[in-house]
Amino acid sequence: MTKICIISFMALLISTECLGTPIEITEITAYKGSIAGSPTFMVLIEKENDVSGRYIYEKYKIPISLNGKITPEKLSLLESNASNIANLEASIHEETLKGTWQDTKHTYRLEAIARSRSYKKIIDRIEIDSATQEKILNIELATGKKQKIKISTQTNPINITFEDLNFDGFPDMRILEIEAGGNSAYSYYIYDLKNGIYSPAPAVFERLTSPVVSHYQKAIYSVSKDGCCKYSSEQVLPDTLRYAEYDYVSQTGKETLTNRTTGNTTQRLINRAEFEQDYLDKIPQL
């Protein structure tokens, strides 16, 4: 018998389970705004009604952790750092947040605008047909178009993340294929605004493992481990693709830099200190 998981955004559901096939959706959104007139940048991770994330005052660039709850109309967050605890309360209208930042002594105005649209504005419904080993992802888009995407995943529940990966203001999609040895492999799909569908991502995304998206830098960072002692890292920067690998047993490493405009590539050997400083230590928090 065919088993189908359905997510209907008319019912405002982002996680469901049906006939033994659970599915989870995570949405990651960046916001640019201000608190008391001071420019801020915030990234929120939404899963069901729970929200976590970080924000910075652009003047100081020190990440501050956030946790809280979200509904379609309201966002409630608790900020906690070494010196202060504060509440952030905001109403939600379209992609705009308006509210207050408040601690025991002060209340300040909070405003922020999302850097990308929510996937709920793009997709009306998702169905996952798990009748066969090669699952089919059925997508009904708000434009009326329908898509069928073959996916290969070894995870349970099926994990889908919506996040703007190419920084064009629209939610892209990645589907977790497998987690092994600390590495998370995904299949990536970019929202094609011209055609109003999700298309396979460019080749630059193929090597990204356990990606960390820096919306502040408009860059993506990836680190993977092969066996006990060999690491590789990919950095998708606005102008350059940086790839490096280092073997801690043979103590050898190499780096490849590719200009994203011209396609020109340069290579060089690197040592352990260079690999760790330029790649392992470069992963941002925001």
C-alpha atoms as a PDB file:
ATOM      1  CA  MET A   1       0.000   0.000   0.000  1.00  0.00           C
ATOM      2  CA  THR A   2       1.260   3.458  -0.836  1.00  0.00           C
ATOM      3  CA  LYS A   3       2.216   5.543   2.166  1.00  0.00           C
ATOM      4  CA  ILE A   4       1.976   9.302   1.830  1.00  0.00           C
ATOM      5  CA  CYS A   5       3.074  12.024   4.213  1.00  0.00           C
ATOM      6  CA  ILE A   6       1.321  15.340   3.687  1.00  0.00           C
ATOM      7  CA  ILE A   7       2.252  18.762   4.912  1.00  0.00           C
ATOM      8  CA  SER A   8      -0.446  21.348   4.276  1.00  0.00           C
ATOM      9  CA  PHE A   9       0.486  24.930   5.014  1.00  0.00           C
ATOM     10  CA  MET A  10      -3.167  25.891   4.901  1.00  0.00           C
ATOM     11  CA  ALA A  11      -3.257  24.063   8.228  1.00  0.00           C
ATOM     12  CA  LEU A  12       0.004  25.783   9.290  1.00  0.00           C
ATOM     13  CA  LEU A  13       1.829  22.527   9.906  1.00  0.00           C
ATOM     14  CA  ILE A  14       5.570  22.178   9.446  1.00  0.00           C
ATOM     15  CA  SER A  15       6.060  18.747  10.969  1.00  0.00           C
ATOM     16  CA  THR A  16       3.936  15.647  10.739  1.00  0.00           C
ATOM     17  CA  GLU A  17       3.947  11.876  10.892  1.00  0.00           C
ATOM     18  CA  CYS A  18       1.854   9.399   8.980  1.00  0.00           C
ATOM     19  CA  LEU A  19       1.741   5.648   8.727  1.00  0.00           C
ATOM     20  CA  GLY A  20       5.164   5.227  10.315  1.00  0.00           C
ATOM     21  CA  THR A  21       6.944   7.718   8.041  1.00  0.00           C
ATOM     22  CA  PRO A  22       7.762  10.890  10.003  1.00  0.00           C
ATOM     23  CA  ILE A  23       8.878  14.075   8.327  1.00  0.00           C
ATOM     24  CA  GLU A  24      10.474  17.138   9.898  1.00  0.00           C
ATOM     25  CA  ILE A  25      10.918  20.566   8.363  1.00  0.00           C
ATOM     26  CA  THR A  26      13.315  23.224   9.611  1.00  0.00           C
ATOM     27  CA  GLU A  27      13.326  26.812   8.386  1.00  0.00           C
ATOM     28  CA  ILE A  28      16.341  29.108   8.793  1.00  0.00           C
ATOM     29  CA  THR A  29      15.848  32.832   8.194  1.00  0.00           C
ATOM     30  CA  ALA A  30      18.129  35.864   8.470  1.00  0.00           C
ATOM     31  CA  TYR A  31      16.822  39.256   9.606  1.00  0.00           C
ATOM     32  CA  LYS A  32      18.353  42.700   9.338  1.00  0.00           C
ATOM     33  CA  GLY A  33      17.035  45.344  11.708  1.00  0.00           C
ATOM     34  CA  SER A  34      17.698  47.428  14.784  1.00  0.00           C
ATOM     35  CA  ILE A  35      17.224  47.627  18.552  1.00  0.00           C
ATOM     36  CA  ALA A  36      17.013  51.142  19.992  1.00  0.00           C
ATOM     37  CA  GLY A  37      18.175  52.378  16.601  1.00  0.00           C
ATOM     38  CA  SER A  38      21.393  50.329  16.712  1.00  0.00           C
ATOM     39  CA  PRO A  39      21.754  48.086  13.606  1.00  0.00           C
ATOM     40  CA  THR A  40      21.390  44.355  14.261  1.00  0.00           C
ATOM     41  CA  PHE A  41      21.631  41.119  12.295  1.00  0.00           C
ATOM     42  CA  MET A  42      19.787  37.985  13.425  1.00  0.00           C
ATOM     43  CA  VAL A  43      19.436  34.383  12.254  1.00  0.00           C
ATOM     44  CA  LEU A  44      16.551  32.263  13.552  1.00  0.00           C
ATOM     45  CA  ILE A  45      16.070  28.496  13.272  1.00  0.00           C
ATOM     46  CA  GLU A  46      12.411  27.496  13.368  1.00  0.00           C
ATOM     47  CA  LYS A  47      11.195  23.948  13.970  1.00  0.00           C
ATOM     48  CA  GLU A  48       7.506  23.493  14.695  1.00  0.00           C
ATOM     49  CA  ASN A  49       6.785  26.273  17.226  1.00  0.00           C
ATOM     50  CA  ASP A  50      10.296  26.330  18.706  1.00  0.00           C
ATOM     51  CA  VAL A  51      12.872  28.931  17.704  1.00  0.00           C
ATOM     52  CA  SER A  52      16.579  29.241  18.433  1.00  0.00           C
ATOM     53  CA  GLY A  53      19.304  31.390  16.970  1.00  0.00           C
ATOM     54  CA  ARG A  54      21.731  34.259  17.452  1.00  0.00           C
ATOM     55  CA  TYR A  55      21.972  37.949  16.765  1.00  0.00           C
ATOM     56  CA  ILE A  56      24.641  40.628  16.820  1.00  0.00           C
ATOM     57  CA  TYR A  57      24.788  44.356  17.175  1.00  0.00           C
ATOM     58  CA  GLU A  58      26.698  45.211  14.017  1.00  0.00           C
ATOM     59  CA  LYS A  59      28.830  47.674  15.972  1.00  0.00           C
ATOM     60  CA  TYR A  60      30.207  44.934  18.245  1.00  0.00           C
ATOM     61  CA  LYS A  61      29.714  41.682  16.268  1.00  0.00           C
ATOM     62  CA  ILE A  62      29.473  39.533  19.418  1.00  0.00           C
ATOM     63  CA  PRO A  63      26.902  36.709  18.951  1.00  0.00           C
ATOM     64  CA  ILE A  64      24.080  36.610  21.515  1.00  0.00           C
ATOM     65  CA  SER A  65      22.036  33.405  21.845  1.00  0.00           C
ATOM     66  CA  LEU A  66      18.250  33.336  21.566  1.00  0.00           C
ATOM     67  CA  ASN A  67      15.568  30.753  22.345  1.00  0.00           C
ATOM     68  CA  GLY A  68      11.807  30.956  22.291  1.00  0.00           C
ATOM     69  CA  LYS A  69       8.495  30.295  20.572  1.00  0.00           C
ATOM     70  CA  ILE A  70       6.848  31.414  17.359  1.00  0.00           C
ATOM     71  CA  THR A  71       3.320  31.491  15.962  1.00  0.00           C
ATOM     72  CA  PRO A  72       2.172  32.920  12.624  1.00  0.00           C
ATOM     73  CA  GLU A  73       1.470  36.240  14.370  1.00  0.00           C
ATOM     74  CA  LYS A  74       3.979  36.479  17.232  1.00  0.00           C
ATOM     75  CA  LEU A  75       7.628  35.863  18.111  1.00  0.00           C
ATOM     76  CA  SER A  76       8.763  35.531  21.747  1.00  0.00           C
ATOM     77  CA  LEU A  77      12.480  35.166  22.485  1.00  0.00           C
ATOM     78  CA  LEU A  78      14.687  35.024  25.561  1.00  0.00           C
ATOM     79  CA  GLU A  79      18.172  36.474  25.286  1.00  0.00           C
ATOM     80  CA  SER A  80      20.830  35.385  27.732  1.00  0.00           C
ATOM     81  CA  ASN A  81      24.476  36.414  27.887  1.00  0.00           C
ATOM     82  CA  ALA A  82      27.134  36.812  30.544  1.00  0.00           C
ATOM     83  CA  SER A  83      25.834  40.141  31.785  1.00  0.00           C
ATOM     84  CA  ASN A  84      22.133  40.307  31.060  1.00  0.00           C
ATOM     85  CA  ILE A  85      18.834  38.528  30.471  1.00  0.00           C
ATOM     86  CA  ALA A  86      16.248  40.150  28.206  1.00  0.00           C
ATOM     87  CA  ASN A  87      12.984  39.370  26.455  1.00  0.00           C
ATOM     88  CA  LEU A  88      12.299  40.092  22.805  1.00  0.00           C
ATOM     89  CA  GLU A  89       8.635  40.268  21.818  1.00  0.00           C
ATOM     90  CA  ALA A  90       7.537  41.041  18.267  1.00  0.00           C
ATOM     91  CA  SER A  91       4.492  40.850  16.056  1.00  0.00           C
ATOM     92  CA  ILE A  92       4.916  39.257  12.630  1.00  0.00           C
ATOM     93  CA  HIS A  93       3.472  40.740   9.460  1.00  0.00           C
ATOM     94  CA  GLU A  94       4.651  39.294   6.160  1.00  0.00           C
ATOM     95  CA  GLU A  95       8.474  39.326   6.537  1.00  0.00           C
ATOM     96  CA  THR A  96       8.566  42.148   9.105  1.00  0.00           C
ATOM     97  CA  LEU A  97       9.067  41.992  12.885  1.00  0.00           C
ATOM     98  CA  LYS A  98       8.020  44.884  15.135  1.00  0.00           C
ATOM     99  CA  GLY A  99       8.150  44.856  18.914  1.00  0.00           C
ATOM    100  CA  THR A 100      10.331  45.461  21.946  1.00  0.00           C
ATOM    101  CA  TRP A 101      13.568  44.396  23.617  1.00  0.00           C
ATOM    102  CA  GLN A 102      13.151  44.539  27.401  1.00  0.00           C
ATOM    103  CA  ASP A 103      15.254  43.779  30.472  1.00  0.00           C
ATOM    104  CA  THR A 104      14.723  44.711  34.121  1.00  0.00           C
ATOM    105  CA  LYS A 105      15.747  48.330  33.521  1.00  0.00           C
ATOM    106  CA  HIS A 106      15.032  49.276  29.921  1.00  0.00           C
ATOM    107  CA  THR A 107      12.557  48.839  27.078  1.00  0.00           C
ATOM    108  CA  TYR A 108      13.673  49.529  23.513  1.00  0.00           C
ATOM    109  CA  ARG A 109      12.010  49.373  20.124  1.00  0.00           C
ATOM    110  CA  LEU A 110      12.846  46.333  17.975  1.00  0.00           C
ATOM    111  CA  GLU A 111      12.422  46.172  14.205  1.00  0.00           C
ATOM    112  CA  ALA A 112      13.653  43.630  11.660  1.00  0.00           C
ATOM    113  CA  ILE A 113      12.985  42.553   8.087  1.00  0.00           C
ATOM    114  CA  ALA A 114      13.606  39.026   6.791  1.00  0.00           C
ATOM    115  CA  ARG A 115      16.303  38.722   4.140  1.00  0.00           C
ATOM    116  CA  SER A 116      14.307  35.994   2.382  1.00  0.00           C
ATOM    117  CA  ARG A 117      10.711  34.910   1.944  1.00  0.00           C
ATOM    118  CA  SER A 118       9.305  32.050   3.991  1.00  0.00           C
ATOM    119  CA  TYR A 119       8.899  28.727   2.212  1.00  0.00           C
ATOM    120  CA  LYS A 120       5.271  28.812   3.368  1.00  0.00           C
ATOM    121  CA  LYS A 121       4.742  31.635   0.861  1.00  0.00           C
ATOM    122  CA  ILE A 122       6.242  29.512  -1.925  1.00  0.00           C
ATOM    123  CA  ILE A 123       4.863  26.032  -1.190  1.00  0.00           C
ATOM    124  CA  ASP A 124       1.261  25.091  -0.484  1.00  0.00           C
ATOM    125  CA  ARG A 125       1.806  21.399   0.182  1.00  0.00           C
ATOM    126  CA  ILE A 126       4.446  18.662   0.346  1.00  0.00           C
ATOM    127  CA  GLU A 127       3.744  14.947   0.007  1.00  0.00           C
ATOM    128  CA  ILE A 128       6.348  12.242   0.510  1.00  0.00           C
ATOM    129  CA  ASP A 129       5.417   8.985  -1.175  1.00  0.00           C
ATOM    130  CA  SER A 130       7.424   6.231   0.532  1.00  0.00           C
ATOM    131  CA  ALA A 131       5.888   3.261  -1.275  1.00  0.00           C
ATOM    132  CA  THR A 132       9.237   2.418  -2.847  1.00  0.00           C
ATOM    133  CA  GLN A 133      12.823   2.576  -1.629  1.00  0.00           C
ATOM    134  CA  GLU A 134      13.348   5.578  -3.899  1.00  0.00           C
ATOM    135  CA  LYS A 135      11.010   8.063  -2.285  1.00  0.00           C
ATOM    136  CA  ILE A 136       9.162  10.709  -4.270  1.00  0.00           C
ATOM    137  CA  LEU A 137       8.799  14.261  -3.010  1.00  0.00           C
ATOM    138  CA  ASN A 138       5.639  15.844  -4.411  1.00  0.00           C
ATOM    139  CA  ILE A 139       5.526  19.630  -4.166  1.00  0.00           C
ATOM    140  CA  GLU A 140       2.524  21.839  -4.851  1.00  0.00           C
ATOM    141  CA  LEU A 141       3.687  25.425  -5.281  1.00  0.00           C
ATOM    142  CA  ALA A 142       1.693  28.565  -4.630  1.00  0.00           C
ATOM    143  CA  THR A 143       1.893  29.323  -8.362  1.00  0.00           C
ATOM    144  CA  GLY A 144      -0.195  26.222  -9.052  1.00  0.00           C
ATOM    145  CA  LYS A 145       2.738  24.257 -10.439  1.00  0.00           C
ATOM    146  CA  LYS A 146       3.449  20.721  -9.235  1.00  0.00           C
ATOM    147  CA  GLN A 147       6.801  18.948  -8.960  1.00  0.00           C
ATOM    148  CA  LYS A 148       7.938  15.375  -8.411  1.00  0.00           C
ATOM    149  CA  ILE A 149      11.489  15.013  -7.093  1.00  0.00           C
ATOM    150  CA  LYS A 150      13.126  11.635  -6.529  1.00  0.00           C
ATOM    151  CA  ILE A 151      15.010  11.619  -3.244  1.00  0.00           C
ATOM    152  CA  SER A 152      17.339   9.069  -1.710  1.00  0.00           C
ATOM    153  CA  THR A 153      17.539   9.325   2.049  1.00  0.00           C
ATOM    154  CA  GLN A 154      18.596   6.895   4.746  1.00  0.00           C
ATOM    155  CA  THR A 155      17.285   9.032   7.587  1.00  0.00           C
ATOM    156  CA  ASN A 156      14.250   8.584   9.778  1.00  0.00           C
ATOM    157  CA  PRO A 157      12.557  10.995  10.139  1.00  0.00           C
ATOM    158  CA  ILE A 158      12.965  12.550   6.718  1.00  0.00           C
ATOM    159  CA  ASN A 159      14.644  15.895   7.315  1.00  0.00           C
ATOM    160  CA  ILE A 160      14.071  18.893   5.025  1.00  0.00           C
ATOM    161  CA  THR A 161      15.628  22.313   5.620  1.00  0.00           C
ATOM    162  CA  PHE A 162      14.560  25.518   3.882  1.00  0.00           C
ATOM    163  CA  GLU A 163      17.195  28.262   3.808  1.00  0.00           C
ATOM    164  CA  ASP A 164      18.351  30.874   1.317  1.00  0.00           C
ATOM    165  CA  LEU A 165      21.579  29.279   0.069  1.00  0.00           C
ATOM    166  CA  ASN A 166      22.367  31.614  -2.825  1.00  0.00           C
ATOM    167  CA  PHE A 167      21.258  34.806  -1.042  1.00  0.00           C
ATOM    168  CA  ASP A 168      18.708  35.869  -3.658  1.00  0.00           C
ATOM    169  CA  GLY A 169      15.874  36.354  -1.168  1.00  0.00           C
ATOM    170  CA  PHE A 170      14.083  33.038  -1.770  1.00  0.00           C
ATOM    171  CA  PRO A 171      14.084  29.815   0.293  1.00  0.00           C
ATOM    172  CA  ASP A 172      16.167  26.997  -1.143  1.00  0.00           C
ATOM    173  CA  MET A 173      15.854  23.395  -0.013  1.00  0.00           C
ATOM    174  CA  ARG A 174      18.212  20.720   1.230  1.00  0.00           C
ATOM    175  CA  ILE A 175      17.263  17.158   2.113  1.00  0.00           C
ATOM    176  CA  LEU A 176      19.385  15.156   4.535  1.00  0.00           C
ATOM    177  CA  GLU A 177      20.535  11.948   2.829  1.00  0.00           C
ATOM    178  CA  ILE A 178      22.712  10.320   5.467  1.00  0.00           C
ATOM    179  CA  GLU A 179      24.598  11.052   8.676  1.00  0.00           C
ATOM    180  CA  ALA A 180      27.791   9.083   9.248  1.00  0.00           C
ATOM    181  CA  GLY A 181      30.931   9.730  11.266  1.00  0.00           C
ATOM    182  CA  GLY A 182      29.899  13.276  12.057  1.00  0.00           C
ATOM    183  CA  ASN A 183      29.298  14.074   8.387  1.00  0.00           C
ATOM    184  CA  SER A 184      25.839  15.108   7.163  1.00  0.00           C
ATOM    185  CA  ALA A 185      25.315  14.692   3.413  1.00  0.00           C
ATOM    186  CA  TYR A 186      22.495  16.545   1.657  1.00  0.00           C
ATOM    187  CA  SER A 187      20.893  16.868  -1.731  1.00  0.00           C
ATOM    188  CA  TYR A 188      20.409  20.537  -2.628  1.00  0.00           C
ATOM    189  CA  TYR A 189      17.714  22.341  -4.615  1.00  0.00           C
ATOM    190  CA  ILE A 190      17.638  26.034  -5.530  1.00  0.00           C
ATOM    191  CA  TYR A 191      14.374  27.895  -5.989  1.00  0.00           C
ATOM    192  CA  ASP A 192      14.236  28.947  -9.645  1.00  0.00           C
ATOM    193  CA  LEU A 193      12.351  32.233  -9.555  1.00  0.00           C
ATOM    194  CA  LYS A 194      12.059  32.482 -13.347  1.00  0.00           C
ATOM    195  CA  ASN A 195      10.345  29.102 -13.703  1.00  0.00           C
ATOM    196  CA  GLY A 196       8.756  28.979 -10.254  1.00  0.00           C
ATOM    197  CA  ILE A 197      10.119  25.531  -9.344  1.00  0.00           C
ATOM    198  CA  TYR A 198      12.911  23.880  -7.347  1.00  0.00           C
ATOM    199  CA  SER A 199      15.884  22.855  -9.500  1.00  0.00           C
ATOM    200  CA  PRO A 200      18.992  20.799  -8.625  1.00  0.00           C
ATOM    201  CA  ALA A 201      21.644  23.092  -7.181  1.00  0.00           C
ATOM    202  CA  PRO A 202      24.823  23.937  -9.134  1.00  0.00           C
ATOM    203  CA  ALA A 203      27.825  21.642  -8.841  1.00  0.00           C
ATOM    204  CA  VAL A 204      29.438  23.924  -6.256  1.00  0.00           C
ATOM    205  CA  PHE A 205      27.028  22.511  -3.667  1.00  0.00           C
ATOM    206  CA  GLU A 206      27.829  18.833  -4.302  1.00  0.00           C
ATOM    207  CA  ARG A 207      30.831  18.661  -1.963  1.00  0.00           C
ATOM    208  CA  LEU A 208      29.181  20.566   0.895  1.00  0.00           C
ATOM    209  CA  THR A 209      28.901  18.389   3.990  1.00  0.00           C
ATOM    210  CA  SER A 210      27.335  19.585   7.254  1.00  0.00           C
ATOM    211  CA  PRO A 211      27.047  23.098   5.769  1.00  0.00           C
ATOM    212  CA  VAL A 212      27.186  26.231   7.896  1.00  0.00           C
ATOM    213  CA  VAL A 213      25.531  29.142   6.103  1.00  0.00           C
ATOM    214  CA  SER A 214      26.743  32.603   7.080  1.00  0.00           C
ATOM    215  CA  HIS A 215      23.992  34.978   6.006  1.00  0.00           C
ATOM    216  CA  TYR A 216      25.981  37.884   7.400  1.00  0.00           C
ATOM    217  CA  GLN A 217      28.968  37.118   5.154  1.00  0.00           C
ATOM    218  CA  LYS A 218      26.874  35.623   2.324  1.00  0.00           C
ATOM    219  CA  ALA A 219      29.086  32.555   2.417  1.00  0.00           C
ATOM    220  CA  ILE A 220      28.835  28.811   3.101  1.00  0.00           C
ATOM    221  CA  TYR A 221      31.354  26.747   5.071  1.00  0.00           C
ATOM    222  CA  SER A 222      31.733  22.965   5.120  1.00  0.00           C
ATOM    223  CA  VAL A 223      34.077  20.572   6.926  1.00  0.00           C
ATOM    224  CA  SER A 224      34.106  16.785   6.554  1.00  0.00           C
ATOM    225  CA  LYS A 225      36.169  13.967   8.018  1.00  0.00           C
ATOM    226  CA  ASP A 226      37.359  10.855   6.174  1.00  0.00           C
ATOM    227  CA  GLY A 227      38.327   8.108   8.592  1.00  0.00           C
ATOM    228  CA  CYS A 228      40.382   9.023  11.621  1.00  0.00           C
ATOM    229  CA  CYS A 229      42.730  11.622  10.314  1.00  0.00           C
ATOM    230  CA  LYS A 230      41.898  13.172   6.951  1.00  0.00           C
ATOM    231  CA  TYR A 231      39.839  16.357   6.783  1.00  0.00           C
ATOM    232  CA  SER A 232      38.535  18.433   3.907  1.00  0.00           C
ATOM    233  CA  SER A 233      36.893  21.840   3.883  1.00  0.00           C
ATOM    234  CA  GLU A 234      34.942  23.868   1.349  1.00  0.00           C
ATOM    235  CA  GLN A 235      34.197  27.591   1.499  1.00  0.00           C
ATOM    236  CA  VAL A 236      31.730  29.124  -0.951  1.00  0.00           C
ATOM    237  CA  LEU A 237      32.558  32.829  -0.775  1.00  0.00           C
ATOM    238  CA  PRO A 238      31.022  35.626  -2.877  1.00  0.00           C
ATOM    239  CA  ASP A 239      33.994  35.798  -5.268  1.00  0.00           C
ATOM    240  CA  THR A 240      35.994  32.637  -4.572  1.00  0.00           C
ATOM    241  CA  LEU A 241      35.591  28.906  -4.022  1.00  0.00           C
ATOM    242  CA  ARG A 242      38.139  27.686  -1.477  1.00  0.00           C
ATOM    243  CA  TYR A 243      38.817  23.964  -1.064  1.00  0.00           C
ATOM    244  CA  ALA A 244      41.458  22.386   1.147  1.00  0.00           C
ATOM    245  CA  GLU A 245      42.320  18.996   2.567  1.00  0.00           C
ATOM    246  CA  TYR A 246      44.807  17.867   5.164  1.00  0.00           C
ATOM    247  CA  ASP A 247      45.988  14.413   6.280  1.00  0.00           C
ATOM    248  CA  TYR A 248      47.166  14.376   9.901  1.00  0.00           C
ATOM    249  CA  VAL A 249      48.991  11.043   9.412  1.00  0.00           C
ATOM    250  CA  SER A 250      51.081  11.960   6.376  1.00  0.00           C
ATOM    251  CA  GLN A 251      51.117  15.621   7.460  1.00  0.00           C
ATOM    252  CA  THR A 252      50.356  16.780   3.942  1.00  0.00           C
ATOM    253  CA  GLY A 253      47.754  19.211   2.677  1.00  0.00           C
ATOM    254  CA  LYS A 254      46.737  21.141  -0.394  1.00  0.00           C
ATOM    255  CA  GLU A 255      44.530  24.090  -1.227  1.00  0.00           C
ATOM    256  CA  THR A 256      42.594  24.951  -4.385  1.00  0.00           C
ATOM    257  CA  LEU A 257      41.216  28.439  -5.045  1.00  0.00           C
ATOM    258  CA  THR A 258      38.767  29.088  -7.891  1.00  0.00           C
ATOM    259  CA  ASN A 259      37.650  32.508  -9.072  1.00  0.00           C
ATOM    260  CA  ARG A 260      33.850  32.292  -9.416  1.00  0.00           C
ATOM    261  CA  THR A 261      33.765  34.844 -12.234  1.00  0.00           C
ATOM    262  CA  THR A 262      36.612  33.711 -14.465  1.00  0.00           C
ATOM    263  CA  GLY A 263      36.884  30.065 -13.409  1.00  0.00           C
ATOM    264  CA  ASN A 264      40.647  30.446 -13.016  1.00  0.00           C
ATOM    265  CA  THR A 265      42.127  28.005 -10.485  1.00  0.00           C
ATOM    266  CA  THR A 266      45.303  28.050  -8.410  1.00  0.00           C
ATOM    267  CA  GLN A 267      46.696  25.293  -6.197  1.00  0.00           C
ATOM    268  CA  ARG A 268      49.356  25.115  -3.520  1.00  0.00           C
ATOM    269  CA  LEU A 269      50.575  22.860  -0.727  1.00  0.00           C
ATOM    270  CA  ILE A 270      49.631  23.891   2.810  1.00  0.00           C
ATOM    271  CA  ASN A 271      50.760  22.811   6.259  1.00  0.00           C
ATOM    272  CA  ARG A 272      48.737  21.958   9.344  1.00  0.00           C
ATOM    273  CA  ALA A 273      48.790  25.469  10.791  1.00  0.00           C
ATOM    274  CA  GLU A 274      47.544  26.988   7.538  1.00  0.00           C
ATOM    275  CA  PHE A 275      44.748  24.422   7.219  1.00  0.00           C
ATOM    276  CA  GLU A 276      43.537  24.929  10.767  1.00  0.00           C
ATOM    277  CA  GLN A 277      43.841  28.712  10.721  1.00  0.00           C
ATOM    278  CA  ASP A 278      42.303  29.291   7.275  1.00  0.00           C
ATOM    279  CA  TYR A 279      39.641  26.571   7.379  1.00  0.00           C
ATOM    280  CA  LEU A 280      38.851  24.903  10.703  1.00  0.00           C
ATOM    281  CA  ASP A 281      39.010  28.160  12.672  1.00  0.00           C
ATOM    282  CA  LYS A 282      37.171  30.242  10.067  1.00  0.00           C
ATOM    283  CA  ILE A 283      33.661  28.804  10.538  1.00  0.00           C
ATOM    284  CA  PRO A 284      31.475  31.724  11.711  1.00  0.00           C
ATOM    285  CA  GLN A 285      28.687  31.716  14.286  1.00  0.00           C
ATOM    286  CA  LEU A 286      26.359  33.929  12.263  1.00  0.00           C
END
